[in-house]
Amino acid sequence: MLNSISAPWPFMKWGMDIVGKLPIALGDVVYMLVLTNYFTKWVEVGAYQQVRDIEIRDFIWKTIICRFEVPQEIVTNNGSQFISYDFKNFYDKYRIKLSFSTARYPQANGQAESTNKTIVNTLKKRLEAEKGEWAKKLPEILWSYRTIPRQSTGETPFSLVYGSEAVIPIKTRLATARSENPNEE
């Protein structure tokens, strides 16, 4: 049962934030671009050397629009990347409402801030053991985040996006209906 939803349907509203500078990782990446869906709590993250408006537009196009749908709204801060002329044209082209949190009140983009805190804390734990490997570890961290129930919904982001729970690696070693006879009815 969903407890707290701040958007009426999946993929209509996303929180976006830039995290960094982080320790230099493979490919000289030092920033993360993080987008979190307000309804499902699904998170997408890209690792970058720099985050300009062109990287953000490309990431939103490939990762959000082409995989899910054109969002109705994206909430972010007033970073120069988000208010450039080209970025405004991108939003206008797809009729995406761009909402801003303020420097004095970044909690207005609470979904992105909360997700960033979780991801960065997980990365910090991993960085202690494997310095400079954070970008390589992002898929594992995202998988974990997507397959653990979120307190606000009581559900996993994976189940809210795909309609069923993920078959996690440990379950492939166990005999279950989904792992043993996936084609039988």
N, C-alpha and C. Protein backbone atom coordinates (compact mmCIF):
# COMPACT_ATOMS: atom_id res chain seq x y z
N MET A 1 0.84 -1.18 0.00
CA MET A 1 0.00 0.00 0.00
C MET A 1 0.89 1.25 0.00
N LEU A 2 0.57 2.16 -0.87
CA LEU A 2 1.36 3.38 -0.97
C LEU A 2 0.95 4.36 0.12
N ASN A 3 1.92 4.85 0.85
CA ASN A 3 1.64 5.74 1.97
C ASN A 3 1.69 7.22 1.60
N SER A 4 2.72 7.61 0.85
CA SER A 4 2.95 9.03 0.61
C SER A 4 3.42 9.22 -0.83
N ILE A 5 2.64 9.89 -1.61
CA ILE A 5 2.98 10.13 -3.00
C ILE A 5 2.90 11.63 -3.25
N SER A 6 3.91 12.20 -3.88
CA SER A 6 3.89 13.63 -4.16
C SER A 6 3.70 13.92 -5.64
N ALA A 7 3.29 12.92 -6.40
CA ALA A 7 2.93 13.08 -7.80
C ALA A 7 1.82 12.07 -8.08
N PRO A 8 0.81 12.43 -8.87
CA PRO A 8 -0.33 11.54 -9.05
C PRO A 8 -0.10 10.32 -9.95
N TRP A 9 0.95 10.32 -10.76
CA TRP A 9 1.24 9.15 -11.58
C TRP A 9 2.74 9.03 -11.83
N PRO A 10 3.18 7.81 -12.19
CA PRO A 10 4.63 7.60 -12.42
C PRO A 10 5.18 8.48 -13.53
N PHE A 11 6.38 8.92 -13.35
CA PHE A 11 7.21 9.60 -14.35
C PHE A 11 6.77 11.00 -14.73
N MET A 12 5.75 11.54 -14.08
CA MET A 12 5.34 12.90 -14.42
C MET A 12 6.25 13.95 -13.79
N LYS A 13 6.83 13.65 -12.60
CA LYS A 13 7.62 14.65 -11.89
C LYS A 13 8.92 14.02 -11.40
N TRP A 14 10.03 14.70 -11.69
CA TRP A 14 11.36 14.23 -11.30
C TRP A 14 12.07 15.34 -10.53
N GLY A 15 12.90 14.95 -9.57
CA GLY A 15 13.81 15.86 -8.90
C GLY A 15 15.19 15.66 -9.50
N MET A 16 15.90 16.75 -9.78
CA MET A 16 17.21 16.65 -10.43
C MET A 16 18.23 17.45 -9.64
N ASP A 17 19.43 16.86 -9.50
CA ASP A 17 20.49 17.53 -8.76
C ASP A 17 21.84 17.07 -9.28
N ILE A 18 22.84 17.90 -9.06
CA ILE A 18 24.23 17.56 -9.39
C ILE A 18 24.97 17.34 -8.08
N VAL A 19 25.69 16.24 -7.99
CA VAL A 19 26.48 15.91 -6.81
C VAL A 19 27.95 15.94 -7.19
N GLY A 20 28.78 16.61 -6.42
CA GLY A 20 30.21 16.63 -6.69
C GLY A 20 30.79 17.94 -6.22
N LYS A 21 32.05 18.01 -6.26
CA LYS A 21 33.05 17.15 -6.83
C LYS A 21 33.30 15.95 -5.91
N LEU A 22 33.40 14.79 -6.56
CA LEU A 22 33.70 13.55 -5.88
C LEU A 22 35.14 13.17 -6.21
N PRO A 23 35.71 12.17 -5.53
CA PRO A 23 37.06 11.72 -5.90
C PRO A 23 37.08 11.30 -7.38
N ILE A 24 38.19 11.55 -8.04
CA ILE A 24 38.31 11.23 -9.46
C ILE A 24 38.18 9.72 -9.66
N ALA A 25 37.29 9.35 -10.59
CA ALA A 25 37.07 7.94 -10.91
C ALA A 25 37.50 7.68 -12.35
N LEU A 26 37.44 6.43 -12.76
CA LEU A 26 37.80 6.03 -14.12
C LEU A 26 37.10 6.93 -15.13
N GLY A 27 37.84 7.42 -16.11
CA GLY A 27 37.30 8.35 -17.09
C GLY A 27 37.34 9.79 -16.60
N ASP A 28 38.04 10.02 -15.50
CA ASP A 28 38.17 11.35 -14.90
C ASP A 28 36.83 11.97 -14.51
N VAL A 29 35.84 11.13 -14.20
CA VAL A 29 34.54 11.65 -13.78
C VAL A 29 34.59 12.05 -12.31
N VAL A 30 33.94 13.18 -12.02
CA VAL A 30 33.93 13.71 -10.65
C VAL A 30 32.55 14.20 -10.22
N TYR A 31 31.57 14.12 -11.11
CA TYR A 31 30.21 14.58 -10.80
C TYR A 31 29.19 13.49 -11.09
N MET A 32 28.08 13.55 -10.35
CA MET A 32 26.93 12.71 -10.65
C MET A 32 25.75 13.62 -10.96
N LEU A 33 25.01 13.28 -12.00
CA LEU A 33 23.72 13.91 -12.28
C LEU A 33 22.68 12.91 -11.81
N VAL A 34 21.83 13.32 -10.87
CA VAL A 34 20.87 12.41 -10.24
C VAL A 34 19.46 12.90 -10.54
N LEU A 35 18.63 12.01 -11.09
CA LEU A 35 17.21 12.29 -11.27
C LEU A 35 16.40 11.24 -10.53
N THR A 36 15.45 11.70 -9.72
CA THR A 36 14.63 10.80 -8.91
C THR A 36 13.17 11.07 -9.22
N ASN A 37 12.43 10.01 -9.54
CA ASN A 37 11.01 10.14 -9.82
C ASN A 37 10.23 10.27 -8.52
N TYR A 38 9.37 11.26 -8.45
CA TYR A 38 8.62 11.54 -7.23
C TYR A 38 7.61 10.44 -6.90
N PHE A 39 7.03 9.78 -7.87
CA PHE A 39 5.99 8.78 -7.61
C PHE A 39 6.59 7.43 -7.22
N THR A 40 7.48 6.90 -8.06
CA THR A 40 8.02 5.55 -7.84
C THR A 40 9.28 5.54 -6.99
N LYS A 41 9.93 6.68 -6.85
CA LYS A 41 11.23 6.82 -6.19
C LYS A 41 12.35 6.18 -7.02
N TRP A 42 12.07 5.86 -8.28
CA TRP A 42 13.08 5.33 -9.20
C TRP A 42 14.16 6.39 -9.38
N VAL A 43 15.41 5.96 -9.42
CA VAL A 43 16.51 6.91 -9.55
C VAL A 43 17.38 6.54 -10.75
N GLU A 44 17.81 7.55 -11.46
CA GLU A 44 18.77 7.41 -12.56
C GLU A 44 19.96 8.31 -12.25
N VAL A 45 21.16 7.81 -12.51
CA VAL A 45 22.38 8.56 -12.21
C VAL A 45 23.36 8.44 -13.37
N GLY A 46 23.96 9.56 -13.73
CA GLY A 46 25.03 9.57 -14.72
C GLY A 46 26.29 10.12 -14.09
N ALA A 47 27.45 9.62 -14.51
CA ALA A 47 28.75 10.09 -14.00
C ALA A 47 29.42 10.92 -15.09
N TYR A 48 29.94 12.09 -14.71
CA TYR A 48 30.47 13.03 -15.69
C TYR A 48 31.76 13.71 -15.22
N GLN A 49 32.57 14.13 -16.21
CA GLN A 49 33.74 14.97 -15.93
C GLN A 49 33.28 16.37 -15.59
N GLN A 50 32.29 16.84 -16.32
CA GLN A 50 31.67 18.14 -16.07
C GLN A 50 30.19 18.00 -16.42
N VAL A 51 29.37 18.84 -15.82
CA VAL A 51 27.93 18.76 -16.08
C VAL A 51 27.47 20.12 -16.62
N ARG A 52 27.38 20.17 -17.95
CA ARG A 52 26.90 21.37 -18.63
C ARG A 52 25.48 21.11 -19.11
N ASP A 53 24.85 22.12 -19.67
CA ASP A 53 23.48 21.93 -20.14
C ASP A 53 23.39 20.84 -21.21
N ILE A 54 24.42 20.69 -22.04
CA ILE A 54 24.37 19.67 -23.09
C ILE A 54 24.36 18.25 -22.50
N GLU A 55 25.14 18.02 -21.46
CA GLU A 55 25.14 16.70 -20.81
C GLU A 55 23.78 16.42 -20.16
N ILE A 56 23.21 17.44 -19.56
CA ILE A 56 21.92 17.26 -18.89
C ILE A 56 20.82 16.97 -19.91
N ARG A 57 20.78 17.73 -20.99
CA ARG A 57 19.77 17.49 -22.04
C ARG A 57 19.90 16.09 -22.59
N ASP A 58 21.14 15.68 -22.87
CA ASP A 58 21.38 14.34 -23.42
C ASP A 58 20.94 13.26 -22.44
N PHE A 59 21.25 13.44 -21.16
CA PHE A 59 20.88 12.46 -20.14
C PHE A 59 19.36 12.37 -20.00
N ILE A 60 18.68 13.51 -19.96
CA ILE A 60 17.21 13.50 -19.85
C ILE A 60 16.60 12.84 -21.07
N TRP A 61 17.11 13.14 -22.25
CA TRP A 61 16.58 12.54 -23.47
C TRP A 61 16.74 11.02 -23.46
N LYS A 62 17.97 10.56 -23.28
CA LYS A 62 18.26 9.12 -23.37
C LYS A 62 17.71 8.32 -22.19
N THR A 63 17.82 8.87 -20.99
CA THR A 63 17.54 8.09 -19.79
C THR A 63 16.12 8.26 -19.27
N ILE A 64 15.52 9.41 -19.48
CA ILE A 64 14.17 9.64 -18.96
C ILE A 64 13.14 9.57 -20.09
N ILE A 65 13.26 10.42 -21.08
CA ILE A 65 12.25 10.49 -22.14
C ILE A 65 12.19 9.20 -22.96
N CYS A 66 13.33 8.70 -23.43
CA CYS A 66 13.33 7.50 -24.28
C CYS A 66 13.01 6.22 -23.51
N ARG A 67 13.20 6.18 -22.20
CA ARG A 67 12.93 4.98 -21.42
C ARG A 67 11.57 5.00 -20.74
N PHE A 68 11.11 6.17 -20.35
CA PHE A 68 9.87 6.27 -19.59
C PHE A 68 8.83 7.08 -20.36
N GLU A 69 8.95 8.39 -20.32
CA GLU A 69 8.07 9.29 -21.06
C GLU A 69 8.55 10.72 -20.83
N VAL A 70 7.96 11.64 -21.57
CA VAL A 70 8.28 13.04 -21.36
C VAL A 70 7.69 13.45 -20.01
N PRO A 71 8.52 13.91 -19.10
CA PRO A 71 7.98 14.32 -17.80
C PRO A 71 7.17 15.61 -17.92
N GLN A 72 6.24 15.77 -17.02
CA GLN A 72 5.48 17.01 -16.98
C GLN A 72 6.27 18.09 -16.26
N GLU A 73 7.07 17.67 -15.24
CA GLU A 73 7.79 18.65 -14.43
C GLU A 73 9.11 18.07 -13.94
N ILE A 74 10.13 18.92 -13.89
CA ILE A 74 11.41 18.59 -13.27
C ILE A 74 11.74 19.70 -12.29
N VAL A 75 12.09 19.30 -11.06
CA VAL A 75 12.43 20.25 -10.00
C VAL A 75 13.94 20.22 -9.81
N THR A 76 14.56 21.38 -9.79
CA THR A 76 16.01 21.46 -9.62
C THR A 76 16.37 22.77 -8.92
N ASN A 77 17.67 23.02 -8.78
CA ASN A 77 18.09 24.30 -8.20
C ASN A 77 18.33 25.30 -9.33
N ASN A 78 18.84 26.46 -9.00
CA ASN A 78 19.05 27.51 -9.99
C ASN A 78 20.44 27.48 -10.61
N GLY A 79 21.06 26.32 -10.70
CA GLY A 79 22.38 26.21 -11.30
C GLY A 79 22.38 26.73 -12.72
N SER A 80 23.51 27.30 -13.14
CA SER A 80 23.60 27.90 -14.47
C SER A 80 23.28 26.90 -15.58
N GLN A 81 23.56 25.61 -15.35
CA GLN A 81 23.26 24.59 -16.35
C GLN A 81 21.76 24.50 -16.62
N PHE A 82 20.96 24.82 -15.61
CA PHE A 82 19.51 24.63 -15.70
C PHE A 82 18.77 25.86 -16.21
N ILE A 83 19.47 26.97 -16.37
CA ILE A 83 18.78 28.20 -16.79
C ILE A 83 19.35 28.77 -18.08
N SER A 84 20.16 28.00 -18.79
CA SER A 84 20.74 28.48 -20.04
C SER A 84 19.66 28.58 -21.12
N TYR A 85 19.94 29.34 -22.15
CA TYR A 85 19.01 29.52 -23.28
C TYR A 85 18.71 28.18 -23.95
N ASP A 86 19.76 27.38 -24.23
CA ASP A 86 19.56 26.09 -24.89
C ASP A 86 18.74 25.13 -24.03
N PHE A 87 18.97 25.17 -22.74
CA PHE A 87 18.22 24.29 -21.84
C PHE A 87 16.75 24.69 -21.80
N LYS A 88 16.49 26.00 -21.78
CA LYS A 88 15.11 26.48 -21.80
C LYS A 88 14.42 26.04 -23.09
N ASN A 89 15.12 26.11 -24.21
CA ASN A 89 14.54 25.65 -25.48
C ASN A 89 14.20 24.16 -25.43
N PHE A 90 15.06 23.38 -24.81
CA PHE A 90 14.82 21.93 -24.66
C PHE A 90 13.52 21.70 -23.88
N TYR A 91 13.39 22.39 -22.75
CA TYR A 91 12.18 22.24 -21.93
C TYR A 91 10.94 22.71 -22.68
N ASP A 92 11.06 23.84 -23.36
CA ASP A 92 9.92 24.36 -24.11
C ASP A 92 9.50 23.41 -25.23
N LYS A 93 10.48 22.82 -25.90
CA LYS A 93 10.19 21.89 -27.00
C LYS A 93 9.32 20.73 -26.54
N TYR A 94 9.58 20.22 -25.34
CA TYR A 94 8.84 19.06 -24.83
C TYR A 94 7.76 19.46 -23.82
N ARG A 95 7.56 20.76 -23.64
CA ARG A 95 6.54 21.28 -22.72
C ARG A 95 6.73 20.73 -21.31
N ILE A 96 7.98 20.72 -20.86
CA ILE A 96 8.31 20.29 -19.51
C ILE A 96 8.35 21.54 -18.62
N LYS A 97 7.64 21.48 -17.52
CA LYS A 97 7.68 22.58 -16.56
C LYS A 97 8.95 22.43 -15.72
N LEU A 98 9.73 23.48 -15.66
CA LEU A 98 10.95 23.48 -14.85
C LEU A 98 10.67 24.29 -13.59
N SER A 99 10.75 23.63 -12.43
CA SER A 99 10.53 24.29 -11.15
C SER A 99 11.85 24.36 -10.41
N PHE A 100 12.03 25.43 -9.65
CA PHE A 100 13.30 25.64 -8.95
C PHE A 100 13.12 25.65 -7.44
N SER A 101 14.06 24.99 -6.77
CA SER A 101 14.20 25.19 -5.33
C SER A 101 15.15 26.38 -5.19
N THR A 102 15.22 26.96 -4.03
CA THR A 102 16.09 28.12 -3.85
C THR A 102 17.33 27.74 -3.06
N ALA A 103 18.35 28.55 -3.16
CA ALA A 103 19.58 28.31 -2.40
C ALA A 103 19.29 28.34 -0.90
N ARG A 104 18.35 29.17 -0.50
CA ARG A 104 18.00 29.26 0.93
C ARG A 104 17.12 28.11 1.38
N TYR A 105 16.45 27.46 0.42
CA TYR A 105 15.53 26.39 0.79
C TYR A 105 15.66 25.22 -0.19
N PRO A 106 16.81 24.52 -0.19
CA PRO A 106 17.01 23.41 -1.12
C PRO A 106 16.08 22.24 -0.84
N GLN A 107 15.46 22.20 0.35
CA GLN A 107 14.55 21.12 0.68
C GLN A 107 13.32 21.13 -0.23
N ALA A 108 13.08 22.22 -0.95
CA ALA A 108 11.97 22.26 -1.89
C ALA A 108 12.15 21.19 -2.96
N ASN A 109 13.39 20.77 -3.19
CA ASN A 109 13.67 19.65 -4.08
C ASN A 109 14.02 18.45 -3.20
N GLY A 110 13.18 18.20 -2.22
CA GLY A 110 13.44 17.19 -1.21
C GLY A 110 13.66 15.80 -1.74
N GLN A 111 12.95 15.43 -2.82
CA GLN A 111 13.11 14.08 -3.36
C GLN A 111 14.53 13.86 -3.84
N ALA A 112 15.06 14.80 -4.61
CA ALA A 112 16.43 14.66 -5.10
C ALA A 112 17.42 14.71 -3.94
N GLU A 113 17.21 15.62 -3.01
CA GLU A 113 18.12 15.76 -1.87
C GLU A 113 18.16 14.48 -1.04
N SER A 114 17.01 13.88 -0.80
CA SER A 114 16.93 12.64 -0.01
C SER A 114 17.63 11.49 -0.72
N THR A 115 17.37 11.36 -2.02
CA THR A 115 18.01 10.31 -2.81
C THR A 115 19.52 10.50 -2.83
N ASN A 116 19.96 11.73 -3.07
CA ASN A 116 21.39 12.02 -3.12
C ASN A 116 22.07 11.62 -1.82
N LYS A 117 21.44 11.93 -0.71
CA LYS A 117 22.00 11.60 0.60
C LYS A 117 22.20 10.09 0.72
N THR A 118 21.20 9.31 0.32
CA THR A 118 21.30 7.85 0.39
C THR A 118 22.41 7.33 -0.52
N ILE A 119 22.44 7.80 -1.76
CA ILE A 119 23.43 7.33 -2.72
C ILE A 119 24.84 7.74 -2.31
N VAL A 120 25.01 9.00 -1.91
CA VAL A 120 26.34 9.48 -1.51
C VAL A 120 26.83 8.73 -0.27
N ASN A 121 25.96 8.49 0.70
CA ASN A 121 26.37 7.73 1.89
C ASN A 121 26.80 6.32 1.51
N THR A 122 26.08 5.68 0.59
CA THR A 122 26.46 4.34 0.13
C THR A 122 27.79 4.40 -0.60
N LEU A 123 27.97 5.41 -1.45
CA LEU A 123 29.24 5.57 -2.16
C LEU A 123 30.39 5.78 -1.19
N LYS A 124 30.19 6.59 -0.17
CA LYS A 124 31.26 6.86 0.80
C LYS A 124 31.72 5.57 1.47
N LYS A 125 30.77 4.72 1.82
CA LYS A 125 31.12 3.43 2.43
C LYS A 125 31.98 2.61 1.48
N ARG A 126 31.60 2.61 0.19
CA ARG A 126 32.36 1.84 -0.80
C ARG A 126 33.70 2.49 -1.11
N LEU A 127 33.75 3.82 -1.06
CA LEU A 127 34.99 4.54 -1.39
C LEU A 127 36.10 4.24 -0.39
N GLU A 128 35.73 4.00 0.84
CA GLU A 128 36.74 3.70 1.85
C GLU A 128 37.54 2.46 1.45
N ALA A 129 36.87 1.49 0.86
CA ALA A 129 37.54 0.25 0.46
C ALA A 129 38.14 0.35 -0.94
N GLU A 130 37.47 1.07 -1.83
CA GLU A 130 37.90 1.10 -3.24
C GLU A 130 37.93 2.53 -3.75
N LYS A 131 38.96 3.25 -3.41
CA LYS A 131 39.06 4.65 -3.82
C LYS A 131 39.08 4.77 -5.34
N GLY A 132 38.37 5.76 -5.85
CA GLY A 132 38.34 6.01 -7.28
C GLY A 132 37.48 5.05 -8.08
N GLU A 133 36.74 4.18 -7.43
CA GLU A 133 35.92 3.19 -8.12
C GLU A 133 34.43 3.53 -8.07
N TRP A 134 34.05 4.71 -7.58
CA TRP A 134 32.64 4.98 -7.35
C TRP A 134 31.79 4.90 -8.61
N ALA A 135 32.29 5.39 -9.74
CA ALA A 135 31.50 5.36 -10.97
C ALA A 135 31.25 3.93 -11.43
N LYS A 136 32.24 3.08 -11.23
CA LYS A 136 32.12 1.67 -11.59
C LYS A 136 31.09 0.96 -10.70
N LYS A 137 30.93 1.42 -9.47
CA LYS A 137 30.01 0.80 -8.50
C LYS A 137 28.58 1.33 -8.61
N LEU A 138 28.35 2.37 -9.41
CA LEU A 138 27.00 2.94 -9.50
C LEU A 138 25.92 1.93 -9.86
N PRO A 139 26.12 1.05 -10.87
CA PRO A 139 25.04 0.09 -11.18
C PRO A 139 24.64 -0.77 -9.98
N GLU A 140 25.61 -1.24 -9.20
CA GLU A 140 25.29 -2.04 -8.01
C GLU A 140 24.52 -1.22 -6.98
N ILE A 141 24.95 0.01 -6.78
CA ILE A 141 24.29 0.87 -5.80
C ILE A 141 22.87 1.19 -6.24
N LEU A 142 22.69 1.47 -7.53
CA LEU A 142 21.35 1.75 -8.05
C LEU A 142 20.46 0.52 -7.95
N TRP A 143 21.00 -0.66 -8.26
CA TRP A 143 20.22 -1.90 -8.14
C TRP A 143 19.74 -2.07 -6.71
N SER A 144 20.63 -1.88 -5.77
CA SER A 144 20.27 -2.00 -4.36
C SER A 144 19.18 -0.99 -4.00
N TYR A 145 19.37 0.25 -4.39
CA TYR A 145 18.40 1.30 -4.08
C TYR A 145 17.03 0.97 -4.69
N ARG A 146 17.02 0.46 -5.91
CA ARG A 146 15.77 0.19 -6.62
C ARG A 146 15.03 -1.05 -6.11
N THR A 147 15.73 -1.94 -5.41
CA THR A 147 15.11 -3.19 -4.98
C THR A 147 14.87 -3.27 -3.47
N ILE A 148 15.06 -2.17 -2.77
CA ILE A 148 14.77 -2.10 -1.34
C ILE A 148 13.54 -1.21 -1.16
N PRO A 149 12.55 -1.65 -0.38
CA PRO A 149 11.35 -0.83 -0.19
C PRO A 149 11.70 0.55 0.38
N ARG A 150 11.06 1.56 -0.15
CA ARG A 150 11.24 2.93 0.33
C ARG A 150 10.20 3.18 1.42
N GLN A 151 10.61 3.85 2.45
CA GLN A 151 9.73 4.12 3.59
C GLN A 151 8.48 4.90 3.17
N SER A 152 8.63 5.83 2.24
CA SER A 152 7.52 6.70 1.85
C SER A 152 6.41 5.96 1.10
N THR A 153 6.75 4.85 0.43
CA THR A 153 5.75 4.12 -0.35
C THR A 153 5.46 2.73 0.22
N GLY A 154 6.40 2.18 0.96
CA GLY A 154 6.27 0.80 1.44
C GLY A 154 6.55 -0.21 0.35
N GLU A 155 6.95 0.25 -0.81
CA GLU A 155 7.22 -0.60 -1.98
C GLU A 155 8.63 -0.33 -2.49
N THR A 156 9.12 -1.26 -3.33
CA THR A 156 10.40 -1.01 -4.00
C THR A 156 10.14 -0.16 -5.24
N PRO A 157 11.08 0.71 -5.60
CA PRO A 157 10.92 1.43 -6.86
C PRO A 157 10.77 0.46 -8.04
N PHE A 158 11.48 -0.66 -7.99
CA PHE A 158 11.40 -1.65 -9.07
C PHE A 158 9.97 -2.14 -9.26
N SER A 159 9.30 -2.50 -8.16
CA SER A 159 7.94 -3.03 -8.28
C SER A 159 6.96 -1.96 -8.76
N LEU A 160 7.18 -0.71 -8.38
CA LEU A 160 6.31 0.36 -8.84
C LEU A 160 6.50 0.66 -10.32
N VAL A 161 7.70 0.44 -10.83
CA VAL A 161 7.97 0.67 -12.25
C VAL A 161 7.54 -0.53 -13.10
N TYR A 162 7.86 -1.75 -12.66
CA TYR A 162 7.65 -2.94 -13.48
C TYR A 162 6.47 -3.81 -13.08
N GLY A 163 5.84 -3.52 -11.95
CA GLY A 163 4.66 -4.27 -11.56
C GLY A 163 4.92 -5.58 -10.85
N SER A 164 6.16 -5.92 -10.61
CA SER A 164 6.50 -7.11 -9.83
C SER A 164 7.87 -6.88 -9.20
N GLU A 165 8.19 -7.70 -8.22
CA GLU A 165 9.49 -7.57 -7.58
C GLU A 165 10.58 -8.13 -8.50
N ALA A 166 11.77 -7.62 -8.37
CA ALA A 166 12.92 -8.08 -9.15
C ALA A 166 13.33 -9.47 -8.67
N VAL A 167 13.83 -10.28 -9.60
CA VAL A 167 14.48 -11.53 -9.21
C VAL A 167 15.92 -11.15 -8.89
N ILE A 168 16.21 -11.07 -7.61
CA ILE A 168 17.55 -10.66 -7.19
C ILE A 168 18.51 -11.84 -7.34
N PRO A 169 19.80 -11.57 -7.50
CA PRO A 169 20.76 -12.64 -7.77
C PRO A 169 20.68 -13.84 -6.82
N ILE A 170 20.47 -13.62 -5.54
CA ILE A 170 20.42 -14.74 -4.60
C ILE A 170 19.26 -15.68 -4.92
N LYS A 171 18.17 -15.14 -5.46
CA LYS A 171 16.99 -15.96 -5.77
C LYS A 171 17.21 -16.86 -6.99
N THR A 172 18.21 -16.57 -7.80
CA THR A 172 18.46 -17.43 -8.95
C THR A 172 19.02 -18.77 -8.52
N ARG A 173 19.52 -18.85 -7.29
CA ARG A 173 20.05 -20.11 -6.77
C ARG A 173 18.98 -20.93 -6.07
N LEU A 174 17.81 -20.33 -5.86
CA LEU A 174 16.71 -21.01 -5.18
C LEU A 174 15.66 -21.44 -6.19
N ALA A 175 15.02 -22.55 -5.94
CA ALA A 175 13.95 -23.02 -6.83
C ALA A 175 12.68 -22.23 -6.52
N THR A 176 12.28 -21.39 -7.46
CA THR A 176 11.03 -20.64 -7.34
C THR A 176 10.28 -20.76 -8.66
N ALA A 177 9.01 -20.41 -8.67
CA ALA A 177 8.22 -20.48 -9.89
C ALA A 177 8.82 -19.62 -10.99
N ARG A 178 9.36 -18.47 -10.64
CA ARG A 178 9.92 -17.58 -11.66
C ARG A 178 11.27 -18.05 -12.16
N SER A 179 12.06 -18.74 -11.33
CA SER A 179 13.40 -19.14 -11.77
C SER A 179 13.42 -20.53 -12.40
N GLU A 180 12.48 -21.39 -12.03
CA GLU A 180 12.50 -22.77 -12.53
C GLU A 180 11.67 -22.96 -13.80
N ASN A 181 10.45 -22.44 -13.82
CA ASN A 181 9.53 -22.67 -14.94
C ASN A 181 8.91 -21.36 -15.40
N PRO A 182 9.69 -20.47 -15.94
CA PRO A 182 9.15 -19.15 -16.27
C PRO A 182 8.10 -19.17 -17.37
N ASN A 183 8.07 -20.20 -18.23
CA ASN A 183 7.12 -20.23 -19.34
C ASN A 183 5.88 -21.04 -19.05
N GLU A 184 5.85 -21.75 -17.94
CA GLU A 184 4.67 -22.54 -17.59
C GLU A 184 3.62 -21.66 -16.96
N GLU A 185 2.36 -21.99 -17.23
CA GLU A 185 1.26 -21.21 -16.64
C GLU A 185 0.64 -21.95 -15.50
